[in-house]
Amino acid sequence: DPCTECSCDSGKETAKDTGNKKKKENGEQLFVPKIFFGTRTHKQISQITRELKRTAYSTVSMTILSSRDYTCIHPTVSSSGSNRNEMCVELLEGKHGKSCLYYHGSHKLGEHHALQSAHRVYQAWDIEDLVSLGKKLRACPYFAARELMVGADIVFCPYNYLLDPQIRESMDINLKDQVVILDEAHNIEDCARESVSYSVTESQLRAAREELDFMVNNNIRQKDHEPLRAVCCSLT
């Protein structure tokens, strides 16, 4: 039977379709949602982008949000241990009189992808592709990927970038009226639990209690520090 619920019936347009056309004629820009594709691991993003290359949508503008552990190319920062985020921030703030030349060149990566798109040679890419290109152009892949998010139709990222409100805020991710796809969504519960959990060691608790003892004994904001000291004591 012919469809009677949408504009394809008898070739007629619905009021909604007509409204959209009026907006175009008036010069108003229609809202097009982004697709945020969340995965459990960075490795899964590589698998998905590899499959995207094989589809008819391989030329769609995209970006991949990931941590500095995967995208930092600064020789000193990338070779450091667990404090890459802190070292990166210190470089950007110029605390030691030094800055990051890769950060200042991050726009080169965005321009490169824009040029590829203009010449219709744009292809889906992976984190490794972006890092390799960043090294050639001496441009920061971490901040370039964030800049590419503005014009991207598809944004790939790990679960916590979408679930953790602090990460969403720091990455300027706004999910209102957007499309969210969560791959292997049965893992969401564990990821959500991790996002609002925090682990401390007994030695850290004892060190905190000693500092709070010092604050209380020296009459430094006693009303604030006494309850905190009580919490540390009860946990230890």
Protein backbone atom coordinates (compact mmCIF):
# COMPACT_ATOMS: atom_id res chain seq x y z
CA ASP A 1 0.00 0.00 0.00
CA PRO A 2 1.20 3.56 -0.63
CA CYS A 3 2.62 5.44 2.34
CA THR A 4 0.19 7.98 3.78
CA GLU A 5 2.24 9.20 6.72
CA CYS A 6 5.06 11.11 5.03
CA SER A 7 5.94 13.35 2.10
CA CYS A 8 6.62 10.44 -0.29
CA ASP A 9 2.86 9.77 -0.68
CA SER A 10 1.72 11.00 -4.14
CA GLY A 11 4.84 13.13 -4.31
CA LYS A 12 3.30 15.68 -1.95
CA GLU A 13 5.24 17.58 0.70
CA THR A 14 4.22 17.78 4.31
CA ALA A 15 3.96 21.01 6.24
CA LYS A 16 7.23 20.15 7.94
CA ASP A 17 9.10 19.82 4.64
CA THR A 18 7.62 23.08 3.41
CA GLY A 19 8.73 24.76 6.62
CA ASN A 20 12.28 23.57 6.09
CA LYS A 21 12.30 24.95 2.57
CA LYS A 22 11.01 28.30 3.77
CA LYS A 23 13.85 28.49 6.22
CA LYS A 24 16.32 27.89 3.41
CA GLU A 25 14.70 30.57 1.25
CA ASN A 26 14.90 33.04 4.12
CA GLY A 27 18.61 32.37 4.43
CA GLU A 28 18.38 30.77 7.83
CA GLN A 29 20.78 27.95 8.57
CA LEU A 30 19.22 24.61 9.41
CA PHE A 31 20.49 22.75 12.45
CA VAL A 32 22.34 19.57 11.52
CA PRO A 33 23.19 17.34 14.52
CA LYS A 34 26.58 15.75 15.01
CA ILE A 35 26.98 12.03 15.57
CA PHE A 36 28.97 11.22 18.72
CA PHE A 37 30.17 7.63 18.50
CA GLY A 38 31.39 6.31 21.86
CA THR A 39 33.49 3.16 22.26
CA ARG A 40 34.99 1.33 25.21
CA THR A 41 38.63 1.57 24.08
CA HIS A 42 40.80 3.54 21.67
CA LYS A 43 41.56 0.32 19.81
CA GLN A 44 37.89 -0.07 18.94
CA ILE A 45 37.92 3.41 17.41
CA SER A 46 40.66 2.21 15.06
CA GLN A 47 38.50 -0.73 14.01
CA ILE A 48 35.45 1.48 13.40
CA THR A 49 37.33 4.09 11.33
CA ARG A 50 38.85 1.27 9.28
CA GLU A 51 35.34 0.03 8.50
CA LEU A 52 34.19 3.59 7.78
CA LYS A 53 36.80 3.82 5.00
CA ARG A 54 35.07 0.91 3.27
CA THR A 55 31.67 2.62 3.15
CA ALA A 56 30.17 5.31 0.94
CA TYR A 57 30.55 7.73 3.87
CA SER A 58 34.34 7.60 4.04
CA THR A 59 34.57 11.24 2.94
CA VAL A 60 32.35 12.58 5.73
CA SER A 61 34.18 15.08 7.95
CA MET A 62 35.17 13.47 11.24
CA THR A 63 37.47 13.70 14.23
CA ILE A 64 38.70 11.48 17.05
CA LEU A 65 38.93 12.75 20.62
CA SER A 66 41.58 11.02 22.68
CA SER A 67 44.00 11.69 25.53
CA ARG A 68 47.48 13.13 25.34
CA ASP A 69 48.78 9.61 26.00
CA TYR A 70 47.85 8.78 22.41
CA THR A 71 48.27 12.12 20.63
CA CYS A 72 51.03 14.17 22.28
CA ILE A 73 54.13 14.49 20.04
CA HIS A 74 56.20 16.87 22.16
CA PRO A 75 59.51 15.03 22.74
CA THR A 76 59.73 15.82 26.46
CA VAL A 77 56.06 15.48 27.38
CA SER A 78 55.35 12.35 25.32
CA SER A 79 58.32 10.54 26.85
CA SER A 80 57.32 11.37 30.42
CA GLY A 81 55.36 9.08 32.72
CA SER A 82 51.95 9.79 34.18
CA ASN A 83 52.10 13.60 34.37
CA ARG A 84 51.67 14.44 30.67
CA ASN A 85 48.57 16.54 31.29
CA GLU A 86 50.32 18.66 33.92
CA MET A 87 53.43 19.10 31.79
CA CYS A 88 51.32 20.13 28.80
CA VAL A 89 49.43 22.74 30.84
CA GLU A 90 52.71 24.12 32.21
CA LEU A 91 54.06 24.52 28.68
CA LEU A 92 50.90 26.26 27.48
CA GLU A 93 51.05 28.63 30.45
CA GLY A 94 54.77 29.23 29.88
CA LYS A 95 55.59 28.64 33.55
CA HIS A 96 59.26 27.90 32.88
CA GLY A 97 59.72 30.40 30.09
CA LYS A 98 59.08 27.74 27.45
CA SER A 99 56.09 27.15 25.21
CA CYS A 100 54.93 24.33 22.92
CA LEU A 101 55.62 25.05 19.26
CA TYR A 102 53.47 22.03 18.30
CA TYR A 103 50.44 23.62 19.97
CA HIS A 104 50.89 26.85 18.03
CA GLY A 105 51.01 24.84 14.81
CA SER A 106 47.89 22.76 15.50
CA HIS A 107 45.87 24.77 12.96
CA LYS A 108 48.04 23.28 10.19
CA LEU A 109 46.37 19.89 10.66
CA GLY A 110 42.90 21.42 10.42
CA GLU A 111 43.86 23.30 7.26
CA HIS A 112 45.32 20.12 5.78
CA HIS A 113 42.07 18.21 6.28
CA ALA A 114 40.03 21.18 4.98
CA LEU A 115 42.17 21.24 1.84
CA GLN A 116 41.72 17.50 1.34
CA SER A 117 37.97 17.88 1.73
CA ALA A 118 37.88 20.72 -0.81
CA HIS A 119 39.70 18.56 -3.36
CA ARG A 120 37.44 15.58 -2.55
CA VAL A 121 40.35 13.38 -1.50
CA TYR A 122 39.29 13.38 2.14
CA GLN A 123 39.25 9.91 3.69
CA ALA A 124 38.39 8.54 7.12
CA TRP A 125 41.50 8.48 9.30
CA ASP A 126 42.76 6.95 12.53
CA ILE A 127 44.66 8.37 15.53
CA GLU A 128 47.90 6.95 14.17
CA ASP A 129 47.31 8.75 10.85
CA LEU A 130 46.75 12.04 12.65
CA VAL A 131 49.84 11.61 14.85
CA SER A 132 51.99 10.71 11.84
CA LEU A 133 50.77 13.78 9.94
CA GLY A 134 51.25 15.93 13.04
CA LYS A 135 54.90 14.92 13.25
CA LYS A 136 55.41 15.82 9.60
CA LEU A 137 53.73 19.22 9.95
CA ARG A 138 55.08 19.79 13.49
CA ALA A 139 51.51 20.33 14.66
CA CYS A 140 49.78 19.06 17.81
CA PRO A 141 47.31 16.24 17.03
CA TYR A 142 45.61 16.55 20.44
CA PHE A 143 44.44 20.14 19.98
CA ALA A 144 43.95 19.73 16.22
CA ALA A 145 41.44 16.93 16.86
CA ARG A 146 39.53 19.23 19.22
CA GLU A 147 39.48 22.01 16.63
CA LEU A 148 38.24 19.61 13.96
CA MET A 149 35.25 18.78 16.19
CA VAL A 150 33.65 22.14 15.30
CA GLY A 151 33.07 21.18 11.66
CA ALA A 152 32.92 17.41 12.06
CA ASP A 153 29.80 15.41 11.26
CA ILE A 154 31.02 12.37 13.21
CA VAL A 155 33.02 12.53 16.46
CA PHE A 156 34.60 9.32 17.71
CA CYS A 157 35.67 9.07 21.35
CA PRO A 158 35.83 6.71 24.34
CA TYR A 159 32.74 6.33 26.56
CA ASN A 160 34.00 8.56 29.36
CA TYR A 161 34.22 11.60 27.07
CA LEU A 162 30.42 11.43 26.81
CA LEU A 163 29.50 10.13 30.27
CA ASP A 164 31.83 12.09 32.54
CA PRO A 165 30.50 15.67 32.98
CA GLN A 166 33.95 17.03 33.85
CA ILE A 167 35.50 15.65 30.67
CA ARG A 168 32.55 16.88 28.59
CA GLU A 169 33.05 20.36 29.99
CA SER A 170 36.82 20.37 29.48
CA MET A 171 36.44 19.12 25.89
CA ASP A 172 33.57 21.55 25.11
CA ILE A 173 31.22 18.69 24.24
CA ASN A 174 27.54 19.67 24.12
CA LEU A 175 25.23 16.69 23.56
CA LYS A 176 21.98 18.65 23.44
CA ASP A 177 20.01 17.74 20.30
CA GLN A 178 22.92 15.62 19.02
CA VAL A 179 22.96 11.94 17.99
CA VAL A 180 24.78 9.64 20.43
CA ILE A 181 25.78 6.08 19.48
CA LEU A 182 27.33 3.84 22.15
CA ASP A 183 29.08 0.74 20.87
CA GLU A 184 28.76 -2.30 23.15
CA ALA A 185 26.51 -0.35 25.48
CA HIS A 186 26.41 -3.13 28.08
CA ASN A 187 29.74 -1.70 29.31
CA ILE A 188 28.17 1.67 30.12
CA GLU A 189 27.32 0.77 33.71
CA ASP A 190 30.95 0.04 34.63
CA CYS A 191 32.16 3.17 32.84
CA ALA A 192 29.58 5.35 34.61
CA ARG A 193 30.60 3.88 37.96
CA GLU A 194 34.27 4.61 37.26
CA SER A 195 33.45 8.20 36.26
CA VAL A 196 32.06 9.00 39.72
CA SER A 197 34.52 6.89 41.71
CA TYR A 198 37.84 7.83 43.24
CA SER A 199 40.58 5.63 44.70
CA VAL A 200 43.02 6.56 47.46
CA THR A 201 45.68 4.56 49.27
CA GLU A 202 46.07 4.27 53.02
CA SER A 203 49.35 6.19 52.87
CA GLN A 204 47.59 9.05 51.09
CA LEU A 205 44.91 9.11 53.79
CA ARG A 206 47.53 9.19 56.56
CA ALA A 207 49.42 12.01 54.80
CA ALA A 208 46.19 13.98 54.44
CA ARG A 209 45.35 13.42 58.12
CA GLU A 210 48.79 14.72 59.16
CA GLU A 211 48.32 17.87 57.10
CA LEU A 212 44.84 18.39 58.54
CA ASP A 213 46.24 17.88 62.07
CA PHE A 214 48.69 20.67 61.36
CA MET A 215 45.89 22.95 60.11
CA VAL A 216 43.67 22.32 63.13
CA ASN A 217 46.50 22.64 65.70
CA ASN A 218 47.54 25.97 64.20
CA ASN A 219 43.98 27.36 64.19
CA ILE A 220 43.81 27.52 60.39
CA ARG A 221 40.13 27.37 59.40
CA GLN A 222 39.38 24.86 62.15
CA LYS A 223 35.67 24.62 61.33
CA ASP A 224 36.49 23.47 57.78
CA HIS A 225 39.39 21.17 58.57
CA GLU A 226 38.10 19.35 61.66
CA PRO A 227 35.29 17.49 59.80
CA LEU A 228 37.75 16.52 57.05
CA ARG A 229 40.19 15.20 59.64
CA ALA A 230 37.38 13.17 61.20
CA VAL A 231 36.61 11.59 57.80
CA CYS A 232 40.27 10.66 57.30
CA CYS A 233 40.44 9.16 60.79
CA SER A 234 37.31 7.10 60.29
CA LEU A 235 38.56 5.73 56.96
CA THR A 236 42.00 4.82 58.26
